[in-house]
Amino acid sequence: MNKEKESEKELSPKEKLEAFASFFAFWGINMLIVTGLVYLLGLSGKPKNIIFSTIGNILINTIGKAPGPIPIAFILFIAAGILGIGTFLKESVLQEFYLELTFFMWIISIGSILILAFISLIIPISTSTIIGIAFILFISPPIVFVILMGVIYLMSKFDNDEL
């Protein structure tokens, strides 16, 4: 009976391979994200950096100067609005996809803050640039969702049409 319990606990070779593949894919994607963030940091004085820095300055000078927990309230209201957009979707599969995409993008946003803060110890980076990049990633889920749905729609049209 103990052997039966032990065999139930062990993963099959296929499950082990899938777990390792997922692990390496996850860290590969993280390395690509870090590379992209380092590239964005190298754009000092270029238009993208100016946009991120401007957005960060606006946030710091408006929300950042509010007293007490008001900045957190603003962030929570924005998050509620972003999640509320997903309620307009009719299919539950799309709602679930939107929810997962939103949380994924928010994790990337938080990760970008941590990574850029660490990189700023090595390379001087303005706080407004870090805040600007994180905010753009924070509000991007609806835009990314629309783009992905458009790509899926175009691919379905391409697959149905015979050339």
N, C-alpha and C. Protein backbone atom coordinates (compact mmCIF):
# COMPACT_ATOMS: atom_id res chain seq x y z
N MET A 1 0.81 -1.18 0.00
CA MET A 1 0.00 0.00 0.00
C MET A 1 0.87 1.26 0.00
N ASN A 2 2.02 1.24 0.66
CA ASN A 2 2.93 2.37 0.66
C ASN A 2 3.49 2.61 -0.73
N LYS A 3 3.71 1.51 -1.47
CA LYS A 3 4.24 1.67 -2.83
C LYS A 3 3.23 2.37 -3.73
N GLU A 4 1.94 2.10 -3.50
CA GLU A 4 0.91 2.76 -4.30
C GLU A 4 0.90 4.26 -4.02
N LYS A 5 1.04 4.63 -2.74
CA LYS A 5 1.06 6.05 -2.38
C LYS A 5 2.30 6.74 -2.93
N GLU A 6 3.45 6.04 -2.90
CA GLU A 6 4.69 6.61 -3.43
C GLU A 6 4.59 6.81 -4.93
N SER A 7 3.99 5.85 -5.63
CA SER A 7 3.89 5.98 -7.08
C SER A 7 2.92 7.10 -7.46
N GLU A 8 1.92 7.37 -6.60
CA GLU A 8 1.00 8.46 -6.87
C GLU A 8 1.68 9.81 -6.68
N LYS A 9 2.63 9.90 -5.77
CA LYS A 9 3.31 11.15 -5.49
C LYS A 9 4.34 11.49 -6.56
N GLU A 10 4.95 10.50 -7.17
CA GLU A 10 5.99 10.73 -8.15
C GLU A 10 5.38 11.22 -9.46
N LEU A 11 6.08 12.11 -10.08
CA LEU A 11 5.63 12.62 -11.36
C LEU A 11 6.09 11.69 -12.48
N SER A 12 5.29 11.60 -13.49
CA SER A 12 5.68 10.80 -14.65
C SER A 12 6.78 11.56 -15.39
N PRO A 13 7.55 10.87 -16.22
CA PRO A 13 8.60 11.57 -16.97
C PRO A 13 8.05 12.71 -17.83
N LYS A 14 6.87 12.51 -18.40
CA LYS A 14 6.26 13.57 -19.21
C LYS A 14 5.95 14.79 -18.36
N GLU A 15 5.41 14.58 -17.15
CA GLU A 15 5.10 15.69 -16.26
C GLU A 15 6.38 16.41 -15.81
N LYS A 16 7.45 15.64 -15.58
CA LYS A 16 8.72 16.25 -15.22
C LYS A 16 9.26 17.12 -16.35
N LEU A 17 9.18 16.59 -17.58
CA LEU A 17 9.64 17.36 -18.73
C LEU A 17 8.82 18.64 -18.91
N GLU A 18 7.51 18.51 -18.74
CA GLU A 18 6.65 19.69 -18.87
C GLU A 18 6.97 20.72 -17.78
N ALA A 19 7.23 20.24 -16.57
CA ALA A 19 7.55 21.16 -15.48
C ALA A 19 8.88 21.88 -15.74
N PHE A 20 9.89 21.13 -16.19
CA PHE A 20 11.18 21.75 -16.50
C PHE A 20 11.06 22.71 -17.68
N ALA A 21 10.31 22.32 -18.69
CA ALA A 21 10.12 23.20 -19.84
C ALA A 21 9.44 24.49 -19.42
N SER A 22 8.43 24.39 -18.59
CA SER A 22 7.73 25.59 -18.10
C SER A 22 8.67 26.46 -17.27
N PHE A 23 9.47 25.82 -16.43
CA PHE A 23 10.42 26.55 -15.60
C PHE A 23 11.40 27.34 -16.45
N PHE A 24 12.01 26.68 -17.45
CA PHE A 24 12.99 27.34 -18.28
C PHE A 24 12.34 28.39 -19.19
N ALA A 25 11.14 28.14 -19.66
CA ALA A 25 10.43 29.13 -20.47
C ALA A 25 10.13 30.37 -19.64
N PHE A 26 9.70 30.17 -18.39
CA PHE A 26 9.41 31.30 -17.50
C PHE A 26 10.65 32.16 -17.31
N TRP A 27 11.78 31.54 -17.01
CA TRP A 27 12.99 32.32 -16.78
C TRP A 27 13.54 32.90 -18.08
N GLY A 28 13.34 32.22 -19.19
CA GLY A 28 13.73 32.79 -20.48
C GLY A 28 12.95 34.05 -20.79
N ILE A 29 11.65 34.03 -20.53
CA ILE A 29 10.82 35.22 -20.74
C ILE A 29 11.27 36.34 -19.80
N ASN A 30 11.58 35.99 -18.56
CA ASN A 30 12.07 37.02 -17.62
C ASN A 30 13.37 37.64 -18.11
N MET A 31 14.26 36.84 -18.67
CA MET A 31 15.52 37.39 -19.19
C MET A 31 15.26 38.31 -20.38
N LEU A 32 14.29 37.97 -21.22
CA LEU A 32 13.94 38.86 -22.33
C LEU A 32 13.37 40.18 -21.81
N ILE A 33 12.57 40.10 -20.77
CA ILE A 33 12.00 41.31 -20.17
C ILE A 33 13.11 42.18 -19.59
N VAL A 34 14.05 41.56 -18.90
CA VAL A 34 15.16 42.32 -18.32
C VAL A 34 15.98 42.97 -19.44
N THR A 35 16.21 42.23 -20.53
CA THR A 35 16.95 42.79 -21.65
C THR A 35 16.21 44.00 -22.23
N GLY A 36 14.89 43.87 -22.37
CA GLY A 36 14.10 44.99 -22.87
C GLY A 36 14.15 46.19 -21.95
N LEU A 37 14.09 45.93 -20.66
CA LEU A 37 14.15 47.04 -19.70
C LEU A 37 15.51 47.72 -19.72
N VAL A 38 16.57 46.94 -19.85
CA VAL A 38 17.91 47.52 -19.94
C VAL A 38 18.03 48.36 -21.22
N TYR A 39 17.43 47.86 -22.30
CA TYR A 39 17.43 48.63 -23.54
C TYR A 39 16.68 49.94 -23.36
N LEU A 40 15.54 49.90 -22.69
CA LEU A 40 14.78 51.12 -22.45
C LEU A 40 15.58 52.11 -21.61
N LEU A 41 16.36 51.58 -20.69
CA LEU A 41 17.19 52.47 -19.87
C LEU A 41 18.29 53.11 -20.69
N GLY A 42 18.73 52.44 -21.72
CA GLY A 42 19.78 52.98 -22.58
C GLY A 42 19.28 54.09 -23.48
N LEU A 43 18.01 54.36 -23.46
CA LEU A 43 17.44 55.39 -24.33
C LEU A 43 17.48 56.77 -23.68
N SER A 44 18.45 56.99 -22.84
CA SER A 44 18.54 58.28 -22.15
C SER A 44 18.56 59.42 -23.16
N GLY A 45 17.66 60.36 -22.95
CA GLY A 45 17.59 61.50 -23.84
C GLY A 45 16.84 61.24 -25.13
N LYS A 46 16.31 60.06 -25.28
CA LYS A 46 15.58 59.73 -26.49
C LYS A 46 14.09 59.83 -26.22
N PRO A 47 13.26 59.88 -27.26
CA PRO A 47 11.82 60.14 -27.06
C PRO A 47 11.10 59.21 -26.09
N LYS A 48 11.39 57.91 -26.14
CA LYS A 48 10.68 57.00 -25.25
C LYS A 48 11.00 57.31 -23.79
N ASN A 49 12.26 57.58 -23.52
CA ASN A 49 12.65 57.91 -22.15
C ASN A 49 11.99 59.20 -21.70
N ILE A 50 11.88 60.15 -22.62
CA ILE A 50 11.24 61.42 -22.28
C ILE A 50 9.76 61.19 -21.95
N ILE A 51 9.10 60.31 -22.74
CA ILE A 51 7.69 60.01 -22.47
C ILE A 51 7.53 59.37 -21.10
N PHE A 52 8.35 58.35 -20.80
CA PHE A 52 8.26 57.68 -19.51
C PHE A 52 8.54 58.66 -18.38
N SER A 53 9.56 59.48 -18.56
CA SER A 53 9.93 60.44 -17.54
C SER A 53 8.83 61.49 -17.33
N THR A 54 8.20 61.93 -18.42
CA THR A 54 7.12 62.90 -18.31
C THR A 54 5.93 62.31 -17.56
N ILE A 55 5.55 61.08 -17.91
CA ILE A 55 4.44 60.42 -17.21
C ILE A 55 4.78 60.25 -15.74
N GLY A 56 6.00 59.83 -15.45
CA GLY A 56 6.42 59.69 -14.06
C GLY A 56 6.39 61.01 -13.31
N ASN A 57 6.85 62.09 -13.96
CA ASN A 57 6.82 63.41 -13.31
C ASN A 57 5.40 63.86 -13.03
N ILE A 58 4.49 63.62 -13.97
CA ILE A 58 3.10 64.00 -13.75
C ILE A 58 2.53 63.24 -12.56
N LEU A 59 2.80 61.94 -12.51
CA LEU A 59 2.28 61.14 -11.39
C LEU A 59 2.88 61.58 -10.06
N ILE A 60 4.18 61.85 -10.05
CA ILE A 60 4.83 62.28 -8.81
C ILE A 60 4.29 63.63 -8.35
N ASN A 61 4.09 64.54 -9.29
CA ASN A 61 3.65 65.90 -8.93
C ASN A 61 2.17 66.01 -8.64
N THR A 62 1.37 65.05 -9.05
CA THR A 62 -0.06 65.11 -8.76
C THR A 62 -0.43 64.12 -7.66
N ILE A 63 -0.37 62.86 -7.97
CA ILE A 63 -0.77 61.83 -7.00
C ILE A 63 0.24 61.74 -5.86
N GLY A 64 1.51 61.90 -6.17
CA GLY A 64 2.55 61.75 -5.16
C GLY A 64 2.53 62.80 -4.08
N LYS A 65 1.95 63.94 -4.36
CA LYS A 65 1.90 65.01 -3.37
C LYS A 65 0.63 65.00 -2.53
N ALA A 66 -0.26 64.05 -2.84
CA ALA A 66 -1.49 63.95 -2.05
C ALA A 66 -1.15 63.36 -0.68
N PRO A 67 -1.85 63.80 0.35
CA PRO A 67 -1.52 63.33 1.71
C PRO A 67 -2.05 61.92 1.99
N GLY A 68 -1.34 61.24 2.87
CA GLY A 68 -1.80 59.96 3.41
C GLY A 68 -2.04 58.87 2.38
N PRO A 69 -3.13 58.14 2.56
CA PRO A 69 -3.40 56.99 1.69
C PRO A 69 -4.09 57.34 0.37
N ILE A 70 -4.19 58.61 0.04
CA ILE A 70 -4.87 59.01 -1.19
C ILE A 70 -4.18 58.45 -2.44
N PRO A 71 -2.82 58.44 -2.53
CA PRO A 71 -2.20 57.84 -3.73
C PRO A 71 -2.56 56.36 -3.89
N ILE A 72 -2.64 55.65 -2.79
CA ILE A 72 -3.02 54.24 -2.86
C ILE A 72 -4.46 54.11 -3.33
N ALA A 73 -5.33 55.01 -2.87
CA ALA A 73 -6.72 55.00 -3.31
C ALA A 73 -6.81 55.23 -4.81
N PHE A 74 -6.02 56.17 -5.34
CA PHE A 74 -6.02 56.41 -6.78
C PHE A 74 -5.61 55.16 -7.55
N ILE A 75 -4.57 54.50 -7.08
CA ILE A 75 -4.10 53.28 -7.75
C ILE A 75 -5.17 52.20 -7.69
N LEU A 76 -5.84 52.07 -6.54
CA LEU A 76 -6.90 51.07 -6.43
C LEU A 76 -8.09 51.38 -7.33
N PHE A 77 -8.43 52.67 -7.47
CA PHE A 77 -9.51 53.05 -8.38
C PHE A 77 -9.16 52.74 -9.83
N ILE A 78 -7.92 53.01 -10.19
CA ILE A 78 -7.47 52.68 -11.56
C ILE A 78 -7.53 51.17 -11.77
N ALA A 79 -7.07 50.40 -10.78
CA ALA A 79 -7.10 48.94 -10.89
C ALA A 79 -8.54 48.45 -11.02
N ALA A 80 -9.45 49.02 -10.25
CA ALA A 80 -10.85 48.62 -10.33
C ALA A 80 -11.41 48.92 -11.72
N GLY A 81 -11.04 50.06 -12.27
CA GLY A 81 -11.50 50.40 -13.62
C GLY A 81 -10.97 49.46 -14.67
N ILE A 82 -9.69 49.11 -14.55
CA ILE A 82 -9.09 48.19 -15.52
C ILE A 82 -9.76 46.83 -15.42
N LEU A 83 -10.00 46.35 -14.20
CA LEU A 83 -10.68 45.06 -14.05
C LEU A 83 -12.14 45.15 -14.48
N GLY A 84 -12.76 46.30 -14.26
CA GLY A 84 -14.15 46.49 -14.65
C GLY A 84 -14.36 46.42 -16.15
N ILE A 85 -13.35 46.79 -16.91
CA ILE A 85 -13.46 46.69 -18.37
C ILE A 85 -13.72 45.25 -18.79
N GLY A 86 -13.13 44.30 -18.07
CA GLY A 86 -13.31 42.88 -18.39
C GLY A 86 -14.73 42.39 -18.19
N THR A 87 -15.53 43.09 -17.39
CA THR A 87 -16.91 42.65 -17.17
C THR A 87 -17.79 42.89 -18.40
N PHE A 88 -17.34 43.72 -19.32
CA PHE A 88 -18.11 43.96 -20.54
C PHE A 88 -17.98 42.83 -21.56
N LEU A 89 -17.02 41.94 -21.34
CA LEU A 89 -16.86 40.80 -22.24
C LEU A 89 -17.99 39.81 -22.00
N LYS A 90 -18.52 39.24 -23.07
CA LYS A 90 -19.69 38.37 -22.95
C LYS A 90 -19.33 36.93 -22.63
N GLU A 91 -18.23 36.44 -23.17
CA GLU A 91 -17.86 35.04 -22.96
C GLU A 91 -16.98 34.90 -21.72
N SER A 92 -17.26 33.87 -20.93
CA SER A 92 -16.50 33.68 -19.70
C SER A 92 -15.05 33.31 -19.99
N VAL A 93 -14.80 32.67 -21.13
CA VAL A 93 -13.43 32.32 -21.50
C VAL A 93 -12.62 33.60 -21.73
N LEU A 94 -13.22 34.56 -22.40
CA LEU A 94 -12.53 35.83 -22.64
C LEU A 94 -12.35 36.61 -21.33
N GLN A 95 -13.33 36.54 -20.45
CA GLN A 95 -13.20 37.21 -19.16
C GLN A 95 -12.05 36.60 -18.36
N GLU A 96 -11.94 35.28 -18.38
CA GLU A 96 -10.86 34.61 -17.66
C GLU A 96 -9.50 34.97 -18.28
N PHE A 97 -9.45 34.99 -19.61
CA PHE A 97 -8.22 35.37 -20.29
C PHE A 97 -7.83 36.80 -19.94
N TYR A 98 -8.80 37.72 -19.94
CA TYR A 98 -8.54 39.12 -19.60
C TYR A 98 -8.02 39.23 -18.16
N LEU A 99 -8.63 38.49 -17.25
CA LEU A 99 -8.19 38.52 -15.86
C LEU A 99 -6.75 38.03 -15.72
N GLU A 100 -6.44 36.92 -16.37
CA GLU A 100 -5.07 36.38 -16.29
C GLU A 100 -4.08 37.33 -16.95
N LEU A 101 -4.45 37.91 -18.09
CA LEU A 101 -3.58 38.87 -18.76
C LEU A 101 -3.34 40.09 -17.87
N THR A 102 -4.38 40.57 -17.22
CA THR A 102 -4.25 41.73 -16.34
C THR A 102 -3.30 41.44 -15.19
N PHE A 103 -3.49 40.32 -14.52
CA PHE A 103 -2.60 40.00 -13.41
C PHE A 103 -1.17 39.77 -13.89
N PHE A 104 -1.01 39.17 -15.06
CA PHE A 104 0.33 38.97 -15.62
C PHE A 104 1.00 40.31 -15.87
N MET A 105 0.27 41.25 -16.47
CA MET A 105 0.85 42.56 -16.75
C MET A 105 1.17 43.31 -15.45
N TRP A 106 0.33 43.14 -14.44
CA TRP A 106 0.60 43.81 -13.16
C TRP A 106 1.81 43.20 -12.48
N ILE A 107 2.00 41.92 -12.60
CA ILE A 107 3.19 41.28 -12.03
C ILE A 107 4.43 41.81 -12.75
N ILE A 108 4.33 41.96 -14.07
CA ILE A 108 5.45 42.52 -14.83
C ILE A 108 5.70 43.96 -14.38
N SER A 109 4.65 44.72 -14.12
CA SER A 109 4.80 46.10 -13.66
C SER A 109 5.53 46.16 -12.32
N ILE A 110 5.12 45.33 -11.39
CA ILE A 110 5.79 45.30 -10.08
C ILE A 110 7.22 44.80 -10.24
N GLY A 111 7.41 43.80 -11.07
CA GLY A 111 8.76 43.29 -11.33
C GLY A 111 9.64 44.34 -11.97
N SER A 112 9.07 45.15 -12.86
CA SER A 112 9.88 46.20 -13.50
C SER A 112 10.34 47.23 -12.47
N ILE A 113 9.47 47.54 -11.52
CA ILE A 113 9.88 48.47 -10.46
C ILE A 113 11.06 47.90 -9.69
N LEU A 114 10.95 46.64 -9.31
CA LEU A 114 12.03 46.01 -8.53
C LEU A 114 13.31 45.90 -9.34
N ILE A 115 13.19 45.46 -10.60
CA ILE A 115 14.38 45.30 -11.43
C ILE A 115 15.03 46.64 -11.72
N LEU A 116 14.21 47.63 -12.08
CA LEU A 116 14.78 48.95 -12.38
C LEU A 116 15.37 49.60 -11.13
N ALA A 117 14.76 49.37 -9.99
CA ALA A 117 15.33 49.91 -8.75
C ALA A 117 16.69 49.27 -8.48
N PHE A 118 16.81 47.97 -8.73
CA PHE A 118 18.09 47.30 -8.55
C PHE A 118 19.12 47.81 -9.56
N ILE A 119 18.69 47.95 -10.83
CA ILE A 119 19.61 48.42 -11.86
C ILE A 119 20.03 49.87 -11.58
N SER A 120 19.14 50.64 -10.96
CA SER A 120 19.47 52.04 -10.67
C SER A 120 20.60 52.16 -9.65
N LEU A 121 20.89 51.08 -8.95
CA LEU A 121 22.05 51.09 -8.05
C LEU A 121 23.35 51.07 -8.85
N ILE A 122 23.29 50.53 -10.07
CA ILE A 122 24.47 50.41 -10.92
C ILE A 122 24.54 51.56 -11.93
N ILE A 123 23.40 51.81 -12.60
CA ILE A 123 23.30 52.85 -13.62
C ILE A 123 22.35 53.92 -13.09
N PRO A 124 22.71 55.17 -13.16
CA PRO A 124 21.78 56.20 -12.66
C PRO A 124 20.51 56.27 -13.52
N ILE A 125 19.36 56.10 -12.86
CA ILE A 125 18.06 56.15 -13.52
C ILE A 125 17.18 57.08 -12.68
N SER A 126 16.45 57.94 -13.36
CA SER A 126 15.58 58.84 -12.60
C SER A 126 14.36 58.07 -12.10
N THR A 127 13.89 58.48 -10.95
CA THR A 127 12.72 57.85 -10.34
C THR A 127 11.50 58.04 -11.22
N SER A 128 11.41 59.18 -11.87
CA SER A 128 10.25 59.43 -12.73
C SER A 128 10.21 58.46 -13.91
N THR A 129 11.35 58.07 -14.43
CA THR A 129 11.38 57.09 -15.52
C THR A 129 10.90 55.73 -15.03
N ILE A 130 11.33 55.32 -13.85
CA ILE A 130 10.90 54.04 -13.28
C ILE A 130 9.38 54.06 -13.06
N ILE A 131 8.88 55.14 -12.48
CA ILE A 131 7.44 55.24 -12.22
C ILE A 131 6.66 55.27 -13.54
N GLY A 132 7.19 55.98 -14.54
CA GLY A 132 6.51 56.06 -15.84
C GLY A 132 6.40 54.71 -16.52
N ILE A 133 7.48 53.93 -16.54
CA ILE A 133 7.46 52.60 -17.15
C ILE A 133 6.49 51.70 -16.40
N ALA A 134 6.54 51.72 -15.08
CA ALA A 134 5.65 50.86 -14.28
C ALA A 134 4.19 51.24 -14.50
N PHE A 135 3.90 52.55 -14.59
CA PHE A 135 2.52 52.97 -14.78
C PHE A 135 2.00 52.57 -16.16
N ILE A 136 2.82 52.72 -17.18
CA ILE A 136 2.42 52.30 -18.53
C ILE A 136 2.11 50.80 -18.53
N LEU A 137 2.95 50.00 -17.88
CA LEU A 137 2.68 48.56 -17.81
C LEU A 137 1.43 48.28 -16.97
N PHE A 138 1.18 49.10 -15.97
CA PHE A 138 0.02 48.91 -15.09
C PHE A 138 -1.29 49.15 -15.83
N ILE A 139 -1.33 50.15 -16.71
CA ILE A 139 -2.58 50.47 -17.40
C ILE A 139 -2.70 49.80 -18.77
N SER A 140 -1.72 49.01 -19.18
CA SER A 140 -1.71 48.45 -20.52
C SER A 140 -2.58 47.21 -20.77
N PRO A 141 -3.09 46.48 -19.76
CA PRO A 141 -3.85 45.26 -20.08
C PRO A 141 -5.00 45.42 -21.07
N PRO A 142 -5.84 46.46 -20.99
CA PRO A 142 -6.91 46.56 -21.99
C PRO A 142 -6.37 46.73 -23.42
N ILE A 143 -5.31 47.50 -23.56
CA ILE A 143 -4.73 47.73 -24.88
C ILE A 143 -4.11 46.44 -25.41
N VAL A 144 -3.38 45.73 -24.57
CA VAL A 144 -2.77 44.47 -24.98
C VAL A 144 -3.85 43.46 -25.33
N PHE A 145 -4.94 43.43 -24.56
CA PHE A 145 -6.03 42.50 -24.83
C PHE A 145 -6.65 42.77 -26.20
N VAL A 146 -6.90 44.03 -26.50
CA VAL A 146 -7.49 44.37 -27.80
C VAL A 146 -6.55 43.98 -28.94
N ILE A 147 -5.27 44.23 -28.77
CA ILE A 147 -4.30 43.85 -29.80
C ILE A 147 -4.29 42.34 -29.99
N LEU A 148 -4.25 41.59 -28.89
CA LEU A 148 -4.25 40.12 -28.99
C LEU A 148 -5.53 39.60 -29.64
N MET A 149 -6.67 40.17 -29.29
CA MET A 149 -7.93 39.74 -29.91
C MET A 149 -7.94 40.06 -31.40
N GLY A 150 -7.37 41.19 -31.78
CA GLY A 150 -7.26 41.53 -33.19
C GLY A 150 -6.36 40.57 -33.94
N VAL A 151 -5.24 40.20 -33.34
CA VAL A 151 -4.33 39.23 -33.97
C VAL A 151 -5.01 37.88 -34.11
N ILE A 152 -5.72 37.46 -33.07
CA ILE A 152 -6.43 36.17 -33.13
C ILE A 152 -7.50 36.21 -34.22
N TYR A 153 -8.22 37.31 -34.33
CA TYR A 153 -9.25 37.44 -35.36
C TYR A 153 -8.62 37.37 -36.75
N LEU A 154 -7.53 38.10 -36.95
CA LEU A 154 -6.87 38.09 -38.26
C LEU A 154 -6.31 36.70 -38.60
N MET A 155 -5.77 36.03 -37.59
CA MET A 155 -5.25 34.68 -37.84
C MET A 155 -6.37 33.71 -38.18
N SER A 156 -7.53 33.87 -37.55
CA SER A 156 -8.66 32.99 -37.87
C SER A 156 -9.16 33.26 -39.28
N LYS A 157 -9.15 34.50 -39.71
CA LYS A 157 -9.53 34.84 -41.08
C LYS A 157 -8.52 34.27 -42.08
N PHE A 158 -7.25 34.35 -41.71
CA PHE A 158 -6.21 33.84 -42.59
C PHE A 158 -6.28 32.33 -42.71
N ASP A 159 -6.59 31.65 -41.59
CA ASP A 159 -6.69 30.19 -41.61
C ASP A 159 -7.92 29.72 -42.39
N ASN A 160 -9.00 30.48 -42.35
CA ASN A 160 -10.23 30.07 -43.06
C ASN A 160 -10.15 30.35 -44.54
N ASP A 161 -9.39 31.33 -44.94
CA ASP A 161 -9.26 31.63 -46.37
C ASP A 161 -8.20 30.76 -47.00
N GLU A 162 -8.54 30.17 -48.10
CA GLU A 162 -7.55 29.37 -48.83
C GLU A 162 -6.95 30.23 -49.92
N LEU A 163 -5.64 30.26 -49.95
CA LEU A 163 -4.96 31.08 -50.96
C LEU A 163 -4.57 30.24 -52.14
